Amino acid sequence: MPKVTVYSTEPCPYCLRAKAFLTQKGIEFEEIMIPRTDHAGRDRLVAETGGYSFPQIIIDGRNIGGWDEMSALDRAGELNDLLT
């Protein structure tokens, strides 16, 4: 099983969708919550993932982007390959 990390914040409907989707698929993940007012946390997010928006989803060290990118990978039939 790959290591999945989700960087999220609140309120964030895309974060909720991504986490619900992973949970529905039975994928365990680590959630790293970064409050919107935590500017140093946002800087760490960019340094670690290359992304600034939420969520940022990492699968086995590869940043796949956010909810839109993850759902596109799923529609294309490529997400399961990353998750197995």
N, C-alpha and C. Protein backbone atom coordinates (compact mmCIF):
# COMPACT_ATOMS: atom_id res chain seq x y z
N MET A 1 0.85 -1.18 0.00
CA MET A 1 0.00 0.00 0.00
C MET A 1 0.89 1.24 0.00
N PRO A 2 0.64 2.16 -0.89
CA PRO A 2 1.46 3.37 -0.96
C PRO A 2 1.18 4.30 0.22
N LYS A 3 2.15 5.17 0.48
CA LYS A 3 1.96 6.19 1.52
C LYS A 3 1.27 7.38 0.88
N VAL A 4 0.14 7.77 1.46
CA VAL A 4 -0.65 8.88 0.93
C VAL A 4 -0.73 9.96 2.01
N THR A 5 -0.41 11.18 1.62
CA THR A 5 -0.49 12.33 2.51
C THR A 5 -1.38 13.38 1.87
N VAL A 6 -2.28 13.94 2.69
CA VAL A 6 -3.17 15.00 2.22
C VAL A 6 -2.92 16.23 3.08
N TYR A 7 -2.45 17.29 2.45
CA TYR A 7 -2.31 18.58 3.12
C TYR A 7 -3.64 19.30 2.95
N SER A 8 -4.22 19.70 4.07
CA SER A 8 -5.53 20.34 3.99
C SER A 8 -5.61 21.54 4.92
N THR A 9 -6.72 22.26 4.79
CA THR A 9 -7.01 23.41 5.63
C THR A 9 -8.52 23.45 5.85
N GLU A 10 -8.98 24.38 6.62
CA GLU A 10 -10.42 24.56 6.85
C GLU A 10 -10.77 26.02 6.71
N PRO A 11 -11.89 26.37 6.21
CA PRO A 11 -12.82 25.49 5.51
C PRO A 11 -12.31 25.23 4.10
N CYS A 12 -12.53 24.03 3.61
CA CYS A 12 -12.02 23.66 2.29
C CYS A 12 -12.87 22.53 1.73
N PRO A 13 -13.86 22.85 0.89
CA PRO A 13 -14.71 21.79 0.34
C PRO A 13 -13.94 20.80 -0.53
N TYR A 14 -12.90 21.25 -1.20
CA TYR A 14 -12.11 20.33 -2.03
C TYR A 14 -11.32 19.36 -1.16
N CYS A 15 -10.87 19.83 0.00
CA CYS A 15 -10.18 18.94 0.95
C CYS A 15 -11.15 17.86 1.43
N LEU A 16 -12.36 18.28 1.78
CA LEU A 16 -13.37 17.32 2.23
C LEU A 16 -13.67 16.29 1.15
N ARG A 17 -13.81 16.73 -0.08
CA ARG A 17 -14.09 15.80 -1.19
C ARG A 17 -12.95 14.80 -1.36
N ALA A 18 -11.72 15.29 -1.34
CA ALA A 18 -10.55 14.42 -1.53
C ALA A 18 -10.45 13.39 -0.42
N LYS A 19 -10.62 13.82 0.82
CA LYS A 19 -10.53 12.89 1.95
C LYS A 19 -11.67 11.87 1.93
N ALA A 20 -12.88 12.32 1.60
CA ALA A 20 -14.02 11.40 1.51
C ALA A 20 -13.80 10.38 0.40
N PHE A 21 -13.28 10.82 -0.71
CA PHE A 21 -13.01 9.93 -1.85
C PHE A 21 -12.00 8.86 -1.47
N LEU A 22 -10.89 9.27 -0.83
CA LEU A 22 -9.88 8.30 -0.42
C LEU A 22 -10.44 7.32 0.61
N THR A 23 -11.22 7.84 1.55
CA THR A 23 -11.83 6.98 2.56
C THR A 23 -12.78 5.98 1.92
N GLN A 24 -13.58 6.45 0.95
CA GLN A 24 -14.51 5.57 0.25
C GLN A 24 -13.78 4.46 -0.49
N LYS A 25 -12.60 4.76 -1.01
CA LYS A 25 -11.81 3.75 -1.72
C LYS A 25 -11.04 2.85 -0.76
N GLY A 26 -11.11 3.13 0.56
CA GLY A 26 -10.42 2.32 1.54
C GLY A 26 -8.94 2.62 1.63
N ILE A 27 -8.54 3.82 1.20
CA ILE A 27 -7.13 4.21 1.22
C ILE A 27 -6.83 4.97 2.51
N GLU A 28 -5.90 4.44 3.28
CA GLU A 28 -5.47 5.15 4.49
C GLU A 28 -4.55 6.30 4.07
N PHE A 29 -4.66 7.41 4.79
CA PHE A 29 -3.82 8.56 4.47
C PHE A 29 -3.50 9.33 5.73
N GLU A 30 -2.39 10.04 5.67
CA GLU A 30 -2.01 10.96 6.74
C GLU A 30 -2.51 12.34 6.34
N GLU A 31 -3.18 13.00 7.25
CA GLU A 31 -3.64 14.36 6.99
C GLU A 31 -2.75 15.33 7.74
N ILE A 32 -2.26 16.33 7.02
CA ILE A 32 -1.50 17.41 7.63
C ILE A 32 -2.33 18.67 7.47
N MET A 33 -2.87 19.13 8.59
CA MET A 33 -3.75 20.30 8.60
C MET A 33 -2.91 21.56 8.77
N ILE A 34 -3.09 22.51 7.87
CA ILE A 34 -2.40 23.79 7.94
C ILE A 34 -3.45 24.88 7.99
N PRO A 35 -3.58 25.54 9.15
CA PRO A 35 -4.57 26.62 9.25
C PRO A 35 -4.31 27.72 8.22
N ARG A 36 -5.36 28.33 7.72
CA ARG A 36 -5.23 29.38 6.71
C ARG A 36 -4.37 30.55 7.18
N THR A 37 -4.35 30.79 8.47
CA THR A 37 -3.58 31.91 9.00
C THR A 37 -2.12 31.55 9.29
N ASP A 38 -1.74 30.31 9.06
CA ASP A 38 -0.37 29.85 9.33
C ASP A 38 0.49 30.08 8.08
N HIS A 39 1.06 31.26 8.00
CA HIS A 39 1.85 31.61 6.81
C HIS A 39 3.13 30.79 6.71
N ALA A 40 3.75 30.48 7.84
CA ALA A 40 4.94 29.62 7.82
C ALA A 40 4.56 28.21 7.35
N GLY A 41 3.38 27.75 7.77
CA GLY A 41 2.90 26.44 7.31
C GLY A 41 2.66 26.43 5.82
N ARG A 42 2.12 27.51 5.30
CA ARG A 42 1.90 27.61 3.85
C ARG A 42 3.24 27.61 3.11
N ASP A 43 4.24 28.28 3.67
CA ASP A 43 5.58 28.26 3.06
C ASP A 43 6.15 26.84 3.05
N ARG A 44 5.94 26.09 4.14
CA ARG A 44 6.41 24.70 4.19
C ARG A 44 5.68 23.85 3.16
N LEU A 45 4.37 24.10 3.00
CA LEU A 45 3.58 23.38 2.00
C LEU A 45 4.19 23.56 0.61
N VAL A 46 4.48 24.80 0.27
CA VAL A 46 5.06 25.09 -1.05
C VAL A 46 6.42 24.42 -1.19
N ALA A 47 7.23 24.49 -0.14
CA ALA A 47 8.57 23.90 -0.20
C ALA A 47 8.50 22.37 -0.34
N GLU A 48 7.55 21.75 0.34
CA GLU A 48 7.45 20.29 0.34
C GLU A 48 6.71 19.74 -0.88
N THR A 49 5.73 20.48 -1.40
CA THR A 49 4.89 19.93 -2.47
C THR A 49 5.01 20.66 -3.79
N GLY A 50 5.48 21.90 -3.75
CA GLY A 50 5.50 22.70 -4.95
C GLY A 50 4.16 23.35 -5.24
N GLY A 51 3.14 23.04 -4.45
CA GLY A 51 1.81 23.59 -4.64
C GLY A 51 1.45 24.56 -3.53
N TYR A 52 0.56 25.51 -3.85
CA TYR A 52 0.16 26.53 -2.89
C TYR A 52 -1.29 26.37 -2.46
N SER A 53 -2.08 25.69 -3.27
CA SER A 53 -3.51 25.56 -2.97
C SER A 53 -3.78 24.28 -2.19
N PHE A 54 -4.99 24.19 -1.66
CA PHE A 54 -5.41 23.02 -0.88
C PHE A 54 -6.52 22.29 -1.61
N PRO A 55 -6.53 20.98 -1.50
CA PRO A 55 -5.54 20.14 -0.86
C PRO A 55 -4.35 19.92 -1.78
N GLN A 56 -3.28 19.41 -1.21
CA GLN A 56 -2.16 18.88 -1.98
C GLN A 56 -2.08 17.42 -1.58
N ILE A 57 -2.06 16.54 -2.57
CA ILE A 57 -2.11 15.10 -2.32
C ILE A 57 -0.81 14.48 -2.82
N ILE A 58 -0.16 13.77 -1.92
CA ILE A 58 1.12 13.14 -2.21
C ILE A 58 0.93 11.62 -2.14
N ILE A 59 1.34 10.93 -3.19
CA ILE A 59 1.27 9.47 -3.22
C ILE A 59 2.69 8.96 -3.44
N ASP A 60 3.21 8.27 -2.42
CA ASP A 60 4.58 7.73 -2.47
C ASP A 60 5.59 8.79 -2.91
N GLY A 61 5.49 9.97 -2.31
CA GLY A 61 6.45 11.03 -2.57
C GLY A 61 6.19 11.84 -3.83
N ARG A 62 5.16 11.49 -4.58
CA ARG A 62 4.83 12.21 -5.83
C ARG A 62 3.62 13.10 -5.60
N ASN A 63 3.77 14.37 -5.81
CA ASN A 63 2.64 15.29 -5.68
C ASN A 63 1.77 15.15 -6.92
N ILE A 64 0.52 14.71 -6.70
CA ILE A 64 -0.39 14.58 -7.85
C ILE A 64 -1.26 15.81 -7.99
N GLY A 65 -1.15 16.77 -7.07
CA GLY A 65 -1.95 17.99 -7.13
C GLY A 65 -3.07 17.94 -6.13
N GLY A 66 -4.22 18.49 -6.51
CA GLY A 66 -5.36 18.58 -5.61
C GLY A 66 -6.51 17.68 -6.03
N TRP A 67 -7.70 18.06 -5.57
CA TRP A 67 -8.89 17.27 -5.84
C TRP A 67 -9.15 17.14 -7.34
N ASP A 68 -9.05 18.23 -8.08
CA ASP A 68 -9.33 18.17 -9.52
C ASP A 68 -8.39 17.20 -10.23
N GLU A 69 -7.12 17.25 -9.88
CA GLU A 69 -6.13 16.38 -10.52
C GLU A 69 -6.36 14.92 -10.12
N MET A 70 -6.67 14.70 -8.84
CA MET A 70 -6.90 13.32 -8.40
C MET A 70 -8.14 12.74 -9.07
N SER A 71 -9.21 13.51 -9.17
CA SER A 71 -10.41 12.98 -9.81
C SER A 71 -10.19 12.77 -11.31
N ALA A 72 -9.37 13.61 -11.93
CA ALA A 72 -9.04 13.40 -13.35
C ALA A 72 -8.24 12.12 -13.55
N LEU A 73 -7.29 11.86 -12.65
CA LEU A 73 -6.54 10.61 -12.71
C LEU A 73 -7.47 9.41 -12.55
N ASP A 74 -8.44 9.54 -11.67
CA ASP A 74 -9.39 8.45 -11.46
C ASP A 74 -10.24 8.23 -12.71
N ARG A 75 -10.75 9.30 -13.30
CA ARG A 75 -11.57 9.17 -14.52
C ARG A 75 -10.76 8.56 -15.67
N ALA A 76 -9.46 8.85 -15.71
CA ALA A 76 -8.61 8.32 -16.77
C ALA A 76 -8.15 6.89 -16.49
N GLY A 77 -8.52 6.37 -15.30
CA GLY A 77 -8.14 5.00 -14.96
C GLY A 77 -6.70 4.87 -14.48
N GLU A 78 -6.06 5.98 -14.14
CA GLU A 78 -4.65 5.95 -13.74
C GLU A 78 -4.45 5.98 -12.23
N LEU A 79 -5.46 6.39 -11.47
CA LEU A 79 -5.28 6.54 -10.03
C LEU A 79 -5.07 5.19 -9.34
N ASN A 80 -5.82 4.19 -9.73
CA ASN A 80 -5.66 2.88 -9.08
C ASN A 80 -4.25 2.34 -9.21
N ASP A 81 -3.60 2.60 -10.34
CA ASP A 81 -2.22 2.15 -10.51
C ASP A 81 -1.30 2.82 -9.49
N LEU A 82 -1.56 4.08 -9.16
CA LEU A 82 -0.74 4.78 -8.18
C LEU A 82 -1.04 4.31 -6.76
N LEU A 83 -2.25 3.83 -6.52
CA LEU A 83 -2.67 3.46 -5.18
C LEU A 83 -2.48 1.99 -4.87
N THR A 84 -1.97 1.21 -5.82
CA THR A 84 -1.76 -0.23 -5.57
C THR A 84 -0.29 -0.58 -5.66
